[in-house]
Amino acid sequence: MEIDVFTTLNGIPDEAIANKTIIVVDVLRATTTITAALAAGCLEVIPVLTPEEAIEMRERLGDERVLLGGERNALKIPGFDLGNSPLEYTAEVVGGKRVIITTTNGTRAIRRAAAGHQVFLGAMLNAAAVARVAAGEAADITIICAGTRDRFSLEDFLTAGLQVEELAGQGEFTLRDGALAARDYYLCHRADPAAAMKASSHGQLLAELGLSADMDFCARMGTTAVVPQYSGGIIKKAGLS
């Protein structure tokens, strides 16, 4: 079995997704936020591409339990209930609720992965749990980094490297070049992943917006066993139908 890492959505061949186990990474902040929401008791998360699609879907569902979450340019979308900070998605706010979410990069990456055999969402806080579930699928694994507006993002590459390292301990995998490079980068920075995140371009933007606490949260490793799984347009905890 092989593990490969793609650093942006551009140029991912269809054969790298079809019949593969996919792990989508957008550590700052979509996949971290979705993981935090499910860990806090959110029933399900529905990723969509645009704010307009989110609003239309809530109206169509007619469910008072539905919240709108998301960001554009790292800021909460006007009129939405929540932004894209994992710190907002507490049990008091999202417990027993459904969330429709749209983000600049993460929800696009999730949609791109839709044709995978299984699609999981990875972050630092659940990397070990994702590795256990993904390795159990006994298939080649493709890790997709959301990037930032179709550009390479160090923080996603760092997290992909952590994911490769965790997967390597779960079975006999051959690492393609992208996976080897990502793991090496992670191993260089594993002593202080928060510092590596904050040094990235997107990390610097979040810091300028006063969101450094989000990055500290996103850099925590192994704090939850929740594995978000995307299927049929909906994200739930793996193992739930």
C-alpha atoms as a PDB file:
ATOM      1  CA  MET A   1       0.000   0.000   0.000  1.00  0.00           C
ATOM      2  CA  GLU A   2       1.145   3.530  -0.762  1.00  0.00           C
ATOM      3  CA  ILE A   3       0.775   6.924   0.892  1.00  0.00           C
ATOM      4  CA  ASP A   4       0.957  10.076  -1.209  1.00  0.00           C
ATOM      5  CA  VAL A   5       0.576  13.751  -0.316  1.00  0.00           C
ATOM      6  CA  PHE A   6      -0.734  16.489  -2.606  1.00  0.00           C
ATOM      7  CA  THR A   7       0.043  19.992  -1.435  1.00  0.00           C
ATOM      8  CA  THR A   8      -2.720  21.871  -3.272  1.00  0.00           C
ATOM      9  CA  LEU A   9      -5.930  21.034  -5.101  1.00  0.00           C
ATOM     10  CA  ASN A  10      -4.337  21.846  -8.444  1.00  0.00           C
ATOM     11  CA  GLY A  11      -3.118  18.934 -10.481  1.00  0.00           C
ATOM     12  CA  ILE A  12      -4.476  16.061  -8.416  1.00  0.00           C
ATOM     13  CA  PRO A  13      -5.141  13.299 -10.944  1.00  0.00           C
ATOM     14  CA  ASP A  14      -8.430  11.471 -10.687  1.00  0.00           C
ATOM     15  CA  GLU A  15      -6.605   8.189 -10.195  1.00  0.00           C
ATOM     16  CA  ALA A  16      -5.102   9.542  -6.967  1.00  0.00           C
ATOM     17  CA  ILE A  17      -8.626   9.788  -5.546  1.00  0.00           C
ATOM     18  CA  ALA A  18     -10.732   7.014  -7.083  1.00  0.00           C
ATOM     19  CA  ASN A  19     -10.684   3.832  -4.982  1.00  0.00           C
ATOM     20  CA  LYS A  20      -8.270   5.444  -2.519  1.00  0.00           C
ATOM     21  CA  THR A  21      -8.683   6.247   1.146  1.00  0.00           C
ATOM     22  CA  ILE A  22      -8.543  10.043   1.306  1.00  0.00           C
ATOM     23  CA  ILE A  23      -7.503  12.226   4.231  1.00  0.00           C
ATOM     24  CA  VAL A  24      -8.285  15.920   3.777  1.00  0.00           C
ATOM     25  CA  VAL A  25      -6.193  18.383   5.786  1.00  0.00           C
ATOM     26  CA  ASP A  26      -7.014  22.051   6.365  1.00  0.00           C
ATOM     27  CA  VAL A  27      -5.565  22.447   9.824  1.00  0.00           C
ATOM     28  CA  LEU A  28      -6.027  26.265   9.896  1.00  0.00           C
ATOM     29  CA  ARG A  29      -8.894  25.823  10.364  1.00  0.00           C
ATOM     30  CA  ALA A  30     -11.682  23.881   8.676  1.00  0.00           C
ATOM     31  CA  THR A  31     -10.761  20.276   9.468  1.00  0.00           C
ATOM     32  CA  THR A  32      -9.817  21.234  13.030  1.00  0.00           C
ATOM     33  CA  THR A  33     -13.082  23.129  13.483  1.00  0.00           C
ATOM     34  CA  ILE A  34     -15.221  20.317  12.074  1.00  0.00           C
ATOM     35  CA  THR A  35     -13.468  17.809  14.326  1.00  0.00           C
ATOM     36  CA  ALA A  36     -14.023  20.070  17.327  1.00  0.00           C
ATOM     37  CA  ALA A  37     -17.699  20.484  16.420  1.00  0.00           C
ATOM     38  CA  LEU A  38     -18.325  16.729  16.230  1.00  0.00           C
ATOM     39  CA  ALA A  39     -16.389  16.191  19.457  1.00  0.00           C
ATOM     40  CA  ALA A  40     -18.673  18.764  21.099  1.00  0.00           C
ATOM     41  CA  GLY A  41     -21.796  16.845  20.144  1.00  0.00           C
ATOM     42  CA  CYS A  42     -22.696  18.363  16.787  1.00  0.00           C
ATOM     43  CA  LEU A  43     -24.893  15.852  14.958  1.00  0.00           C
ATOM     44  CA  GLU A  44     -23.445  16.450  11.500  1.00  0.00           C
ATOM     45  CA  VAL A  45     -21.653  19.019   9.381  1.00  0.00           C
ATOM     46  CA  ILE A  46     -22.649  19.762   5.789  1.00  0.00           C
ATOM     47  CA  PRO A  47     -19.851  21.374   3.734  1.00  0.00           C
ATOM     48  CA  VAL A  48     -20.897  23.667   0.888  1.00  0.00           C
ATOM     49  CA  LEU A  49     -18.953  25.867  -1.508  1.00  0.00           C
ATOM     50  CA  THR A  50     -20.621  29.260  -1.138  1.00  0.00           C
ATOM     51  CA  PRO A  51     -22.439  31.338   1.485  1.00  0.00           C
ATOM     52  CA  GLU A  52     -25.435  31.502  -0.848  1.00  0.00           C
ATOM     53  CA  GLU A  53     -25.579  27.718  -1.030  1.00  0.00           C
ATOM     54  CA  ALA A  54     -25.453  27.539   2.774  1.00  0.00           C
ATOM     55  CA  ILE A  55     -28.320  29.982   3.210  1.00  0.00           C
ATOM     56  CA  GLU A  56     -30.436  28.260   0.574  1.00  0.00           C
ATOM     57  CA  MET A  57     -29.842  24.862   2.149  1.00  0.00           C
ATOM     58  CA  ARG A  58     -30.880  26.035   5.603  1.00  0.00           C
ATOM     59  CA  GLU A  59     -34.081  27.484   4.188  1.00  0.00           C
ATOM     60  CA  ARG A  60     -34.783  24.270   2.305  1.00  0.00           C
ATOM     61  CA  LEU A  61     -34.131  22.054   5.322  1.00  0.00           C
ATOM     62  CA  GLY A  62     -36.454  24.123   7.517  1.00  0.00           C
ATOM     63  CA  ASP A  63     -34.773  22.750  10.648  1.00  0.00           C
ATOM     64  CA  GLU A  64     -34.388  25.036  13.646  1.00  0.00           C
ATOM     65  CA  ARG A  65     -31.410  22.970  14.774  1.00  0.00           C
ATOM     66  CA  VAL A  66     -29.345  24.129  11.771  1.00  0.00           C
ATOM     67  CA  LEU A  67     -26.562  26.672  12.279  1.00  0.00           C
ATOM     68  CA  LEU A  68     -24.545  28.423   9.589  1.00  0.00           C
ATOM     69  CA  GLY A  69     -20.779  28.532  10.023  1.00  0.00           C
ATOM     70  CA  GLY A  70     -17.851  29.621   7.945  1.00  0.00           C
ATOM     71  CA  GLU A  71     -15.475  32.319   6.804  1.00  0.00           C
ATOM     72  CA  ARG A  72     -14.193  34.322   3.921  1.00  0.00           C
ATOM     73  CA  ASN A  73     -10.688  35.747   4.159  1.00  0.00           C
ATOM     74  CA  ALA A  74     -10.505  34.197   7.663  1.00  0.00           C
ATOM     75  CA  LEU A  75     -13.398  36.335   8.949  1.00  0.00           C
ATOM     76  CA  LYS A  76     -16.902  35.265   9.941  1.00  0.00           C
ATOM     77  CA  ILE A  77     -19.420  35.661   7.121  1.00  0.00           C
ATOM     78  CA  PRO A  78     -21.945  38.436   7.888  1.00  0.00           C
ATOM     79  CA  GLY A  79     -25.253  36.996   9.049  1.00  0.00           C
ATOM     80  CA  PHE A  80     -23.816  33.576   9.900  1.00  0.00           C
ATOM     81  CA  ASP A  81     -24.145  32.080  13.381  1.00  0.00           C
ATOM     82  CA  LEU A  82     -20.500  31.032  13.637  1.00  0.00           C
ATOM     83  CA  GLY A  83     -17.165  31.721  12.041  1.00  0.00           C
ATOM     84  CA  ASN A  84     -14.403  29.178  11.471  1.00  0.00           C
ATOM     85  CA  SER A  85     -12.767  29.222  14.895  1.00  0.00           C
ATOM     86  CA  PRO A  86     -12.738  25.842  16.648  1.00  0.00           C
ATOM     87  CA  LEU A  87     -13.082  27.736  19.924  1.00  0.00           C
ATOM     88  CA  GLU A  88     -16.606  28.791  18.932  1.00  0.00           C
ATOM     89  CA  TYR A  89     -17.874  25.257  18.420  1.00  0.00           C
ATOM     90  CA  THR A  90     -18.547  24.334  22.036  1.00  0.00           C
ATOM     91  CA  ALA A  91     -21.034  21.810  23.373  1.00  0.00           C
ATOM     92  CA  GLU A  92     -23.258  24.657  24.531  1.00  0.00           C
ATOM     93  CA  VAL A  93     -23.414  26.095  21.036  1.00  0.00           C
ATOM     94  CA  VAL A  94     -23.396  23.082  18.695  1.00  0.00           C
ATOM     95  CA  GLY A  95     -24.462  20.139  20.855  1.00  0.00           C
ATOM     96  CA  GLY A  96     -27.466  18.454  19.226  1.00  0.00           C
ATOM     97  CA  LYS A  97     -27.267  20.842  16.252  1.00  0.00           C
ATOM     98  CA  ARG A  98     -26.475  20.499  12.562  1.00  0.00           C
ATOM     99  CA  VAL A  99     -23.955  22.881  10.992  1.00  0.00           C
ATOM    100  CA  ILE A 100     -23.769  23.956   7.363  1.00  0.00           C
ATOM    101  CA  ILE A 101     -20.256  25.266   6.782  1.00  0.00           C
ATOM    102  CA  THR A 102     -18.429  27.023   3.963  1.00  0.00           C
ATOM    103  CA  THR A 103     -14.783  28.061   4.046  1.00  0.00           C
ATOM    104  CA  THR A 104     -12.342  29.559   1.585  1.00  0.00           C
ATOM    105  CA  ASN A 105     -10.231  26.431   1.171  1.00  0.00           C
ATOM    106  CA  GLY A 106     -11.351  23.511   3.307  1.00  0.00           C
ATOM    107  CA  THR A 107     -14.793  22.837   1.934  1.00  0.00           C
ATOM    108  CA  ARG A 108     -13.425  22.943  -1.623  1.00  0.00           C
ATOM    109  CA  ALA A 109     -10.874  20.291  -0.674  1.00  0.00           C
ATOM    110  CA  ILE A 110     -13.558  18.103   0.890  1.00  0.00           C
ATOM    111  CA  ARG A 111     -15.666  18.302  -2.251  1.00  0.00           C
ATOM    112  CA  ARG A 112     -12.622  17.455  -4.395  1.00  0.00           C
ATOM    113  CA  ALA A 113     -12.130  14.295  -2.355  1.00  0.00           C
ATOM    114  CA  ALA A 114     -15.733  13.132  -2.756  1.00  0.00           C
ATOM    115  CA  ALA A 115     -14.921  10.367  -5.256  1.00  0.00           C
ATOM    116  CA  GLY A 116     -12.603   8.616  -2.808  1.00  0.00           C
ATOM    117  CA  HIS A 117     -13.424   5.158  -1.499  1.00  0.00           C
ATOM    118  CA  GLN A 118     -13.494   6.588   2.021  1.00  0.00           C
ATOM    119  CA  VAL A 119     -12.936  10.240   2.961  1.00  0.00           C
ATOM    120  CA  PHE A 120     -11.717  11.295   6.405  1.00  0.00           C
ATOM    121  CA  LEU A 121     -10.790  14.704   7.805  1.00  0.00           C
ATOM    122  CA  GLY A 122      -7.426  15.040   9.493  1.00  0.00           C
ATOM    123  CA  ALA A 123      -5.965  17.606  11.851  1.00  0.00           C
ATOM    124  CA  MET A 124      -3.266  17.595  14.493  1.00  0.00           C
ATOM    125  CA  LEU A 125      -5.694  16.947  17.311  1.00  0.00           C
ATOM    126  CA  ASN A 126      -6.977  13.689  15.767  1.00  0.00           C
ATOM    127  CA  ALA A 127      -4.079  12.498  13.578  1.00  0.00           C
ATOM    128  CA  ALA A 128      -3.468   9.305  15.543  1.00  0.00           C
ATOM    129  CA  ALA A 129      -7.144   8.335  15.470  1.00  0.00           C
ATOM    130  CA  VAL A 130      -7.426   9.099  11.750  1.00  0.00           C
ATOM    131  CA  ALA A 131      -4.360   6.934  11.079  1.00  0.00           C
ATOM    132  CA  ARG A 132      -5.906   3.970  12.886  1.00  0.00           C
ATOM    133  CA  VAL A 133      -9.170   4.225  10.968  1.00  0.00           C
ATOM    134  CA  ALA A 134      -7.591   4.964   7.583  1.00  0.00           C
ATOM    135  CA  ALA A 135      -5.027   2.179   7.843  1.00  0.00           C
ATOM    136  CA  GLY A 136      -7.833  -0.240   8.615  1.00  0.00           C
ATOM    137  CA  GLU A 137      -9.255   0.340   5.148  1.00  0.00           C
ATOM    138  CA  ALA A 138      -6.318  -1.613   3.657  1.00  0.00           C
ATOM    139  CA  ALA A 139      -6.077   0.670   0.608  1.00  0.00           C
ATOM    140  CA  ASP A 140      -3.684   3.230  -0.817  1.00  0.00           C
ATOM    141  CA  ILE A 141      -3.951   6.525   1.052  1.00  0.00           C
ATOM    142  CA  THR A 142      -3.971   9.982  -0.500  1.00  0.00           C
ATOM    143  CA  ILE A 143      -3.568  12.993   1.778  1.00  0.00           C
ATOM    144  CA  ILE A 144      -4.934  16.204   0.276  1.00  0.00           C
ATOM    145  CA  CYS A 145      -3.741  19.525   1.671  1.00  0.00           C
ATOM    146  CA  ALA A 146      -6.311  22.269   1.169  1.00  0.00           C
ATOM    147  CA  GLY A 147      -3.639  24.944   0.816  1.00  0.00           C
ATOM    148  CA  THR A 148      -4.485  28.628   0.718  1.00  0.00           C
ATOM    149  CA  ARG A 149      -6.226  29.836  -2.435  1.00  0.00           C
ATOM    150  CA  ASP A 150      -4.571  27.101  -4.482  1.00  0.00           C
ATOM    151  CA  ARG A 151      -1.144  27.866  -3.067  1.00  0.00           C
ATOM    152  CA  PHE A 152       1.122  25.681  -0.939  1.00  0.00           C
ATOM    153  CA  SER A 153       0.597  26.074   2.825  1.00  0.00           C
ATOM    154  CA  LEU A 154       3.268  25.090   5.318  1.00  0.00           C
ATOM    155  CA  GLU A 155       0.776  24.357   8.093  1.00  0.00           C
ATOM    156  CA  ASP A 156      -1.103  21.785   6.013  1.00  0.00           C
ATOM    157  CA  PHE A 157       2.167  20.228   4.851  1.00  0.00           C
ATOM    158  CA  LEU A 158       3.265  19.999   8.494  1.00  0.00           C
ATOM    159  CA  THR A 159       0.023  18.269   9.459  1.00  0.00           C
ATOM    160  CA  ALA A 160       0.217  15.932   6.476  1.00  0.00           C
ATOM    161  CA  GLY A 161       3.689  14.962   7.692  1.00  0.00           C
ATOM    162  CA  LEU A 162       2.330  14.172  11.150  1.00  0.00           C
ATOM    163  CA  GLN A 163      -0.388  12.098   9.497  1.00  0.00           C
ATOM    164  CA  VAL A 164       2.207  10.161   7.480  1.00  0.00           C
ATOM    165  CA  GLU A 165       4.250   9.535  10.610  1.00  0.00           C
ATOM    166  CA  GLU A 166       1.183   8.191  12.420  1.00  0.00           C
ATOM    167  CA  LEU A 167       0.195   6.027   9.456  1.00  0.00           C
ATOM    168  CA  ALA A 168       3.696   4.570   9.159  1.00  0.00           C
ATOM    169  CA  GLY A 169       3.214   3.014  12.579  1.00  0.00           C
ATOM    170  CA  GLN A 170      -0.036   1.346  11.531  1.00  0.00           C
ATOM    171  CA  GLY A 171       1.121  -0.914   8.722  1.00  0.00           C
ATOM    172  CA  GLU A 172       3.459  -1.610   5.828  1.00  0.00           C
ATOM    173  CA  PHE A 173       3.236   1.449   3.599  1.00  0.00           C
ATOM    174  CA  THR A 174       5.418   2.657   0.751  1.00  0.00           C
ATOM    175  CA  LEU A 175       5.849   6.436   0.948  1.00  0.00           C
ATOM    176  CA  ARG A 176       5.799   8.329  -2.305  1.00  0.00           C
ATOM    177  CA  ASP A 177       7.923  11.473  -2.623  1.00  0.00           C
ATOM    178  CA  GLY A 178       5.249  13.862  -1.329  1.00  0.00           C
ATOM    179  CA  ALA A 179       4.719  11.723   1.757  1.00  0.00           C
ATOM    180  CA  LEU A 180       8.464  11.420   2.409  1.00  0.00           C
ATOM    181  CA  ALA A 181       8.959  15.190   2.153  1.00  0.00           C
ATOM    182  CA  ALA A 182       5.983  15.955   4.380  1.00  0.00           C
ATOM    183  CA  ARG A 183       7.132  13.534   7.066  1.00  0.00           C
ATOM    184  CA  ASP A 184      10.651  14.986   7.011  1.00  0.00           C
ATOM    185  CA  TYR A 185       9.245  18.505   7.407  1.00  0.00           C
ATOM    186  CA  TYR A 186       7.099  17.428  10.335  1.00  0.00           C
ATOM    187  CA  LEU A 187      10.025  15.679  12.032  1.00  0.00           C
ATOM    188  CA  CYS A 188      12.033  18.898  11.784  1.00  0.00           C
ATOM    189  CA  HIS A 189       9.301  20.850  13.576  1.00  0.00           C
ATOM    190  CA  ARG A 190       7.572  18.365  15.857  1.00  0.00           C
ATOM    191  CA  ALA A 191       9.096  19.919  18.982  1.00  0.00           C
ATOM    192  CA  ASP A 192       7.078  23.109  18.424  1.00  0.00           C
ATOM    193  CA  PRO A 193       4.361  22.715  15.793  1.00  0.00           C
ATOM    194  CA  ALA A 194       2.597  25.875  16.967  1.00  0.00           C
ATOM    195  CA  ALA A 195       5.674  27.950  16.111  1.00  0.00           C
ATOM    196  CA  ALA A 196       5.822  26.385  12.652  1.00  0.00           C
ATOM    197  CA  MET A 197       2.155  27.182  12.085  1.00  0.00           C
ATOM    198  CA  LYS A 198       2.559  30.775  13.208  1.00  0.00           C
ATOM    199  CA  ALA A 199       5.529  31.212  10.857  1.00  0.00           C
ATOM    200  CA  SER A 200       3.414  30.251   7.834  1.00  0.00           C
ATOM    201  CA  SER A 201       1.812  32.909   5.662  1.00  0.00           C
ATOM    202  CA  HIS A 202      -1.694  31.946   6.750  1.00  0.00           C
ATOM    203  CA  GLY A 203      -0.554  31.767  10.346  1.00  0.00           C
ATOM    204  CA  GLN A 204       0.765  35.305  10.144  1.00  0.00           C
ATOM    205  CA  LEU A 205      -2.570  36.467   8.739  1.00  0.00           C
ATOM    206  CA  LEU A 206      -4.483  34.841  11.595  1.00  0.00           C
ATOM    207  CA  ALA A 207      -2.117  36.421  14.111  1.00  0.00           C
ATOM    208  CA  GLU A 208      -2.715  39.844  12.586  1.00  0.00           C
ATOM    209  CA  LEU A 209      -6.458  39.240  12.997  1.00  0.00           C
ATOM    210  CA  GLY A 210      -6.009  38.405  16.675  1.00  0.00           C
ATOM    211  CA  LEU A 211      -6.576  34.666  16.200  1.00  0.00           C
ATOM    212  CA  SER A 212      -3.371  33.280  17.707  1.00  0.00           C
ATOM    213  CA  ALA A 213      -5.423  31.308  20.239  1.00  0.00           C
ATOM    214  CA  ASP A 214      -6.965  29.413  17.343  1.00  0.00           C
ATOM    215  CA  MET A 215      -3.508  28.334  16.188  1.00  0.00           C
ATOM    216  CA  ASP A 216      -2.548  27.188  19.675  1.00  0.00           C
ATOM    217  CA  PHE A 217      -5.667  25.013  19.657  1.00  0.00           C
ATOM    218  CA  CYS A 218      -5.008  23.725  16.141  1.00  0.00           C
ATOM    219  CA  ALA A 219      -1.429  22.742  17.079  1.00  0.00           C
ATOM    220  CA  ARG A 220      -2.489  20.403  19.885  1.00  0.00           C
ATOM    221  CA  MET A 221      -1.746  16.791  19.056  1.00  0.00           C
ATOM    222  CA  GLY A 222      -3.746  13.736  20.038  1.00  0.00           C
ATOM    223  CA  THR A 223      -6.473  15.449  22.048  1.00  0.00           C
ATOM    224  CA  THR A 224      -9.444  13.603  20.519  1.00  0.00           C
ATOM    225  CA  ALA A 225     -10.301  10.254  18.994  1.00  0.00           C
ATOM    226  CA  VAL A 226     -13.074  11.754  16.846  1.00  0.00           C
ATOM    227  CA  VAL A 227     -12.617  10.972  13.138  1.00  0.00           C
ATOM    228  CA  PRO A 228     -14.869  12.988  10.808  1.00  0.00           C
ATOM    229  CA  GLN A 229     -15.986  11.025   7.759  1.00  0.00           C
ATOM    230  CA  TYR A 230     -17.463  12.600   4.633  1.00  0.00           C
ATOM    231  CA  SER A 231     -20.051  10.561   2.772  1.00  0.00           C
ATOM    232  CA  GLY A 232     -23.065  11.502   0.716  1.00  0.00           C
ATOM    233  CA  GLY A 233     -22.444  15.205   1.198  1.00  0.00           C
ATOM    234  CA  ILE A 234     -22.483  14.989   5.008  1.00  0.00           C
ATOM    235  CA  ILE A 235     -19.736  14.762   7.635  1.00  0.00           C
ATOM    236  CA  LYS A 236     -20.314  12.596  10.694  1.00  0.00           C
ATOM    237  CA  LYS A 237     -18.158  10.739  13.168  1.00  0.00           C
ATOM    238  CA  ALA A 238     -16.688   7.648  11.540  1.00  0.00           C
ATOM    239  CA  GLY A 239     -18.748   4.607  12.400  1.00  0.00           C
ATOM    240  CA  LEU A 240     -22.061   6.462  12.394  1.00  0.00           C
ATOM    241  CA  SER A 241     -24.458   5.960   9.503  1.00  0.00           C
END
